[in-house]
Amino acid sequence: MYTFGQKLTRDMHFKDHIRYHVPVQIYNTRGEHENIGFIDSYTKYYIIMQGLRYNRRTLVFISRPGY
């Protein structure tokens, strides 16, 4: 389905990660780790994870299957 380290950009990517309980890692624009966990929900502009909103335009979301 998704490979370890694959960049997530589309709604379908986030929907699949919610459906199949695949963890996602978040990095800022400097490449620094921000968080890792499971997505609760998403909108056009944000990913909601562990009760926090992460901006889809300013952060990088990476698939972490098997983490």
PDB file of N, CA and C in Angstrom:
ATOM      1  N   MET A   1       0.825  -1.183   0.000  1.00  0.00           N
ATOM      2  CA  MET A   1       0.000   0.000   0.000  1.00  0.00           C
ATOM      3  C   MET A   1       0.877   1.257   0.000  1.00  0.00           C
ATOM      4  N   TYR A   2       1.464   1.624   1.125  1.00  0.00           N
ATOM      5  CA  TYR A   2       2.367   2.774   1.208  1.00  0.00           C
ATOM      6  C   TYR A   2       3.715   2.285   1.699  1.00  0.00           C
ATOM      7  N   THR A   3       4.753   2.913   1.182  1.00  0.00           N
ATOM      8  CA  THR A   3       6.098   2.510   1.592  1.00  0.00           C
ATOM      9  C   THR A   3       6.567   3.367   2.761  1.00  0.00           C
ATOM     10  N   PHE A   4       7.468   2.821   3.552  1.00  0.00           N
ATOM     11  CA  PHE A   4       8.039   3.531   4.679  1.00  0.00           C
ATOM     12  C   PHE A   4       8.757   4.767   4.151  1.00  0.00           C
ATOM     13  N   GLY A   5       8.359   5.936   4.611  1.00  0.00           N
ATOM     14  CA  GLY A   5       8.986   7.177   4.175  1.00  0.00           C
ATOM     15  C   GLY A   5       8.304   7.880   3.018  1.00  0.00           C
ATOM     16  N   GLN A   6       7.213   7.320   2.517  1.00  0.00           N
ATOM     17  CA  GLN A   6       6.508   7.938   1.394  1.00  0.00           C
ATOM     18  C   GLN A   6       5.839   9.240   1.836  1.00  0.00           C
ATOM     19  N   LYS A   7       5.992  10.291   1.043  1.00  0.00           N
ATOM     20  CA  LYS A   7       5.386  11.587   1.334  1.00  0.00           C
ATOM     21  C   LYS A   7       3.888  11.534   1.041  1.00  0.00           C
ATOM     22  N   LEU A   8       3.098  12.080   1.949  1.00  0.00           N
ATOM     23  CA  LEU A   8       1.642  12.093   1.812  1.00  0.00           C
ATOM     24  C   LEU A   8       1.186  13.503   1.451  1.00  0.00           C
ATOM     25  N   THR A   9       0.396  13.615   0.390  1.00  0.00           N
ATOM     26  CA  THR A   9      -0.033  14.937  -0.066  1.00  0.00           C
ATOM     27  C   THR A   9      -1.524  15.017  -0.397  1.00  0.00           C
ATOM     28  N   ARG A  10      -2.130  13.932  -0.739  1.00  0.00           N
ATOM     29  CA  ARG A  10      -3.525  13.942  -1.211  1.00  0.00           C
ATOM     30  C   ARG A  10      -4.489  13.503  -0.110  1.00  0.00           C
ATOM     31  N   ASP A  11      -5.732  13.948  -0.237  1.00  0.00           N
ATOM     32  CA  ASP A  11      -6.758  13.536   0.721  1.00  0.00           C
ATOM     33  C   ASP A  11      -6.841  12.013   0.822  1.00  0.00           C
ATOM     34  N   MET A  12      -6.731  11.350  -0.312  1.00  0.00           N
ATOM     35  CA  MET A  12      -6.811   9.889  -0.334  1.00  0.00           C
ATOM     36  C   MET A  12      -5.710   9.256   0.536  1.00  0.00           C
ATOM     37  N   HIS A  13      -4.522   9.833   0.537  1.00  0.00           N
ATOM     38  CA  HIS A  13      -3.424   9.325   1.366  1.00  0.00           C
ATOM     39  C   HIS A  13      -3.815   9.366   2.838  1.00  0.00           C
ATOM     40  N   PHE A  14      -4.358  10.499   3.265  1.00  0.00           N
ATOM     41  CA  PHE A  14      -4.725  10.659   4.672  1.00  0.00           C
ATOM     42  C   PHE A  14      -5.920   9.772   5.032  1.00  0.00           C
ATOM     43  N   LYS A  15      -6.863   9.663   4.129  1.00  0.00           N
ATOM     44  CA  LYS A  15      -8.026   8.807   4.352  1.00  0.00           C
ATOM     45  C   LYS A  15      -7.585   7.354   4.541  1.00  0.00           C
ATOM     46  N   ASP A  16      -6.675   6.872   3.705  1.00  0.00           N
ATOM     47  CA  ASP A  16      -6.158   5.504   3.832  1.00  0.00           C
ATOM     48  C   ASP A  16      -5.433   5.296   5.155  1.00  0.00           C
ATOM     49  N   HIS A  17      -4.665   6.285   5.582  1.00  0.00           N
ATOM     50  CA  HIS A  17      -3.923   6.150   6.839  1.00  0.00           C
ATOM     51  C   HIS A  17      -4.865   6.103   8.042  1.00  0.00           C
ATOM     52  N   ILE A  18      -5.973   6.808   7.960  1.00  0.00           N
ATOM     53  CA  ILE A  18      -6.984   6.718   9.022  1.00  0.00           C
ATOM     54  C   ILE A  18      -7.639   5.343   8.977  1.00  0.00           C
ATOM     55  N   ARG A  19      -8.080   4.933   7.813  1.00  0.00           N
ATOM     56  CA  ARG A  19      -8.802   3.669   7.648  1.00  0.00           C
ATOM     57  C   ARG A  19      -7.978   2.465   8.094  1.00  0.00           C
ATOM     58  N   TYR A  20      -6.710   2.439   7.736  1.00  0.00           N
ATOM     59  CA  TYR A  20      -5.865   1.274   8.018  1.00  0.00           C
ATOM     60  C   TYR A  20      -4.948   1.462   9.224  1.00  0.00           C
ATOM     61  N   HIS A  21      -5.144   2.560   9.974  1.00  0.00           N
ATOM     62  CA  HIS A  21      -4.390   2.815  11.212  1.00  0.00           C
ATOM     63  C   HIS A  21      -2.883   2.762  10.985  1.00  0.00           C
ATOM     64  N   VAL A  22      -2.433   3.498   9.981  1.00  0.00           N
ATOM     65  CA  VAL A  22      -1.006   3.581   9.664  1.00  0.00           C
ATOM     66  C   VAL A  22      -0.466   4.887  10.266  1.00  0.00           C
ATOM     67  N   PRO A  23       0.612   4.825  11.028  1.00  0.00           N
ATOM     68  CA  PRO A  23       1.158   6.048  11.625  1.00  0.00           C
ATOM     69  C   PRO A  23       1.758   6.995  10.584  1.00  0.00           C
ATOM     70  N   VAL A  24       1.764   8.263  10.951  1.00  0.00           N
ATOM     71  CA  VAL A  24       2.286   9.327  10.098  1.00  0.00           C
ATOM     72  C   VAL A  24       3.293  10.131  10.922  1.00  0.00           C
ATOM     73  N   GLN A  25       4.402  10.479  10.300  1.00  0.00           N
ATOM     74  CA  GLN A  25       5.392  11.327  10.948  1.00  0.00           C
ATOM     75  C   GLN A  25       5.345  12.700  10.302  1.00  0.00           C
ATOM     76  N   ILE A  26       5.480  13.729  11.125  1.00  0.00           N
ATOM     77  CA  ILE A  26       5.380  15.105  10.655  1.00  0.00           C
ATOM     78  C   ILE A  26       6.731  15.798  10.823  1.00  0.00           C
ATOM     79  N   TYR A  27       7.142  16.490   9.762  1.00  0.00           N
ATOM     80  CA  TYR A  27       8.376  17.265   9.785  1.00  0.00           C
ATOM     81  C   TYR A  27       8.065  18.719   9.446  1.00  0.00           C
ATOM     82  N   ASN A  28       8.834  19.638  10.026  1.00  0.00           N
ATOM     83  CA  ASN A  28       8.683  21.048   9.658  1.00  0.00           C
ATOM     84  C   ASN A  28       9.524  21.344   8.414  1.00  0.00           C
ATOM     85  N   THR A  29       9.520  22.575   7.973  1.00  0.00           N
ATOM     86  CA  THR A  29      10.217  22.937   6.732  1.00  0.00           C
ATOM     87  C   THR A  29      11.737  22.852   6.852  1.00  0.00           C
ATOM     88  N   ARG A  30      12.265  22.790   8.070  1.00  0.00           N
ATOM     89  CA  ARG A  30      13.703  22.633   8.283  1.00  0.00           C
ATOM     90  C   ARG A  30      14.095  21.156   8.367  1.00  0.00           C
ATOM     91  N   GLY A  31      13.110  20.264   8.181  1.00  0.00           N
ATOM     92  CA  GLY A  31      13.383  18.833   8.235  1.00  0.00           C
ATOM     93  C   GLY A  31      13.453  18.275   9.643  1.00  0.00           C
ATOM     94  N   GLU A  32      12.969  19.026  10.604  1.00  0.00           N
ATOM     95  CA  GLU A  32      12.988  18.594  12.000  1.00  0.00           C
ATOM     96  C   GLU A  32      11.692  17.871  12.343  1.00  0.00           C
ATOM     97  N   HIS A  33      11.828  16.800  13.087  1.00  0.00           N
ATOM     98  CA  HIS A  33      10.681  16.010  13.521  1.00  0.00           C
ATOM     99  C   HIS A  33       9.769  16.844  14.413  1.00  0.00           C
ATOM    100  N   GLU A  34       8.467  16.816  14.132  1.00  0.00           N
ATOM    101  CA  GLU A  34       7.467  17.515  14.948  1.00  0.00           C
ATOM    102  C   GLU A  34       6.654  16.547  15.793  1.00  0.00           C
ATOM    103  N   ASN A  35       6.200  15.447  15.183  1.00  0.00           N
ATOM    104  CA  ASN A  35       5.341  14.493  15.887  1.00  0.00           C
ATOM    105  C   ASN A  35       5.214  13.225  15.057  1.00  0.00           C
ATOM    106  N   ILE A  36       4.770  12.166  15.718  1.00  0.00           N
ATOM    107  CA  ILE A  36       4.429  10.926  15.023  1.00  0.00           C
ATOM    108  C   ILE A  36       3.224  10.329  15.731  1.00  0.00           C
ATOM    109  N   GLY A  37       2.316   9.770  14.940  1.00  0.00           N
ATOM    110  CA  GLY A  37       1.122   9.176  15.529  1.00  0.00           C
ATOM    111  C   GLY A  37       0.093   8.847  14.464  1.00  0.00           C
ATOM    112  N   PHE A  38      -1.126   8.682  14.920  1.00  0.00           N
ATOM    113  CA  PHE A  38      -2.231   8.321  14.040  1.00  0.00           C
ATOM    114  C   PHE A  38      -3.123   9.529  13.792  1.00  0.00           C
ATOM    115  N   ILE A  39      -3.557   9.691  12.560  1.00  0.00           N
ATOM    116  CA  ILE A  39      -4.422  10.802  12.180  1.00  0.00           C
ATOM    117  C   ILE A  39      -5.826  10.553  12.720  1.00  0.00           C
ATOM    118  N   ASP A  40      -6.393  11.581  13.350  1.00  0.00           N
ATOM    119  CA  ASP A  40      -7.784  11.517  13.812  1.00  0.00           C
ATOM    120  C   ASP A  40      -8.732  11.912  12.687  1.00  0.00           C
ATOM    121  N   SER A  41      -8.406  12.988  11.986  1.00  0.00           N
ATOM    122  CA  SER A  41      -9.205  13.464  10.855  1.00  0.00           C
ATOM    123  C   SER A  41      -8.366  14.460  10.056  1.00  0.00           C
ATOM    124  N   TYR A  42      -8.950  14.962   8.982  1.00  0.00           N
ATOM    125  CA  TYR A  42      -8.240  15.928   8.142  1.00  0.00           C
ATOM    126  C   TYR A  42      -9.242  16.831   7.449  1.00  0.00           C
ATOM    127  N   THR A  43      -8.763  17.979   7.044  1.00  0.00           N
ATOM    128  CA  THR A  43      -9.546  18.908   6.231  1.00  0.00           C
ATOM    129  C   THR A  43      -8.668  19.298   5.042  1.00  0.00           C
ATOM    130  N   LYS A  44      -9.172  20.190   4.257  1.00  0.00           N
ATOM    131  CA  LYS A  44      -8.413  20.675   3.103  1.00  0.00           C
ATOM    132  C   LYS A  44      -7.110  21.348   3.536  1.00  0.00           C
ATOM    133  N   TYR A  45      -7.101  21.919   4.734  1.00  0.00           N
ATOM    134  CA  TYR A  45      -5.952  22.699   5.193  1.00  0.00           C
ATOM    135  C   TYR A  45      -5.169  22.092   6.351  1.00  0.00           C
ATOM    136  N   TYR A  46      -5.789  21.186   7.097  1.00  0.00           N
ATOM    137  CA  TYR A  46      -5.151  20.670   8.302  1.00  0.00           C
ATOM    138  C   TYR A  46      -5.240  19.150   8.414  1.00  0.00           C
ATOM    139  N   ILE A  47      -4.289  18.602   9.160  1.00  0.00           N
ATOM    140  CA  ILE A  47      -4.349  17.223   9.613  1.00  0.00           C
ATOM    141  C   ILE A  47      -4.541  17.315  11.117  1.00  0.00           C
ATOM    142  N   ILE A  48      -5.517  16.618  11.645  1.00  0.00           N
ATOM    143  CA  ILE A  48      -5.757  16.621  13.080  1.00  0.00           C
ATOM    144  C   ILE A  48      -5.229  15.304  13.637  1.00  0.00           C
ATOM    145  N   MET A  49      -4.270  15.435  14.568  1.00  0.00           N
ATOM    146  CA  MET A  49      -3.620  14.264  15.139  1.00  0.00           C
ATOM    147  C   MET A  49      -3.410  14.533  16.623  1.00  0.00           C
ATOM    148  N   GLN A  50      -3.899  13.646  17.457  1.00  0.00           N
ATOM    149  CA  GLN A  50      -3.751  13.764  18.909  1.00  0.00           C
ATOM    150  C   GLN A  50      -4.287  15.102  19.418  1.00  0.00           C
ATOM    151  N   GLY A  51      -5.383  15.546  18.824  1.00  0.00           N
ATOM    152  CA  GLY A  51      -6.038  16.770  19.252  1.00  0.00           C
ATOM    153  C   GLY A  51      -5.374  18.058  18.780  1.00  0.00           C
ATOM    154  N   LEU A  52      -4.335  17.961  17.962  1.00  0.00           N
ATOM    155  CA  LEU A  52      -3.645  19.138  17.449  1.00  0.00           C
ATOM    156  C   LEU A  52      -3.831  19.249  15.940  1.00  0.00           C
ATOM    157  N   ARG A  53      -3.897  20.491  15.450  1.00  0.00           N
ATOM    158  CA  ARG A  53      -4.011  20.723  14.008  1.00  0.00           C
ATOM    159  C   ARG A  53      -2.639  21.027  13.432  1.00  0.00           C
ATOM    160  N   TYR A  54      -2.324  20.375  12.316  1.00  0.00           N
ATOM    161  CA  TYR A  54      -1.062  20.567  11.616  1.00  0.00           C
ATOM    162  C   TYR A  54      -1.368  21.055  10.205  1.00  0.00           C
ATOM    163  N   ASN A  55      -0.774  22.160   9.833  1.00  0.00           N
ATOM    164  CA  ASN A  55      -1.043  22.794   8.547  1.00  0.00           C
ATOM    165  C   ASN A  55      -0.459  21.980   7.398  1.00  0.00           C
ATOM    166  N   ARG A  56      -1.292  21.611   6.452  1.00  0.00           N
ATOM    167  CA  ARG A  56      -0.867  20.800   5.300  1.00  0.00           C
ATOM    168  C   ARG A  56       0.032  21.573   4.345  1.00  0.00           C
ATOM    169  N   ARG A  57      -0.055  22.886   4.354  1.00  0.00           N
ATOM    170  CA  ARG A  57       0.740  23.688   3.429  1.00  0.00           C
ATOM    171  C   ARG A  57       2.156  23.954   3.931  1.00  0.00           C
ATOM    172  N   THR A  58       2.366  23.888   5.238  1.00  0.00           N
ATOM    173  CA  THR A  58       3.664  24.265   5.788  1.00  0.00           C
ATOM    174  C   THR A  58       4.441  23.108   6.402  1.00  0.00           C
ATOM    175  N   LEU A  59       3.855  21.940   6.470  1.00  0.00           N
ATOM    176  CA  LEU A  59       4.516  20.778   7.069  1.00  0.00           C
ATOM    177  C   LEU A  59       4.587  19.628   6.073  1.00  0.00           C
ATOM    178  N   VAL A  60       5.449  18.686   6.357  1.00  0.00           N
ATOM    179  CA  VAL A  60       5.615  17.502   5.508  1.00  0.00           C
ATOM    180  C   VAL A  60       5.124  16.283   6.289  1.00  0.00           C
ATOM    181  N   PHE A  61       4.299  15.471   5.639  1.00  0.00           N
ATOM    182  CA  PHE A  61       3.712  14.286   6.260  1.00  0.00           C
ATOM    183  C   PHE A  61       4.258  13.050   5.570  1.00  0.00           C
ATOM    184  N   ILE A  62       4.785  12.122   6.383  1.00  0.00           N
ATOM    185  CA  ILE A  62       5.461  10.940   5.883  1.00  0.00           C
ATOM    186  C   ILE A  62       4.788   9.688   6.427  1.00  0.00           C
ATOM    187  N   SER A  63       4.578   8.699   5.575  1.00  0.00           N
ATOM    188  CA  SER A  63       3.993   7.430   5.986  1.00  0.00           C
ATOM    189  C   SER A  63       5.029   6.601   6.754  1.00  0.00           C
ATOM    190  N   ARG A  64       4.588   5.991   7.852  1.00  0.00           N
ATOM    191  CA  ARG A  64       5.460   5.162   8.670  1.00  0.00           C
ATOM    192  C   ARG A  64       4.820   3.803   8.977  1.00  0.00           C
ATOM    193  N   PRO A  65       4.474   3.018   7.936  1.00  0.00           N
ATOM    194  CA  PRO A  65       3.892   1.698   8.201  1.00  0.00           C
ATOM    195  C   PRO A  65       4.896   0.815   8.952  1.00  0.00           C
ATOM    196  N   GLY A  66       4.408   0.084   9.904  1.00  0.00           N
ATOM    197  CA  GLY A  66       5.269  -0.813  10.657  1.00  0.00           C
ATOM    198  C   GLY A  66       6.034  -0.148  11.774  1.00  0.00           C
ATOM    199  N   TYR A  67       5.798   1.166  11.990  1.00  0.00           N
ATOM    200  CA  TYR A  67       6.514   1.875  13.035  1.00  0.00           C
ATOM    201  C   TYR A  67       5.933   1.557  14.380  1.00  0.00           C
TER     202      TYR A  67
END
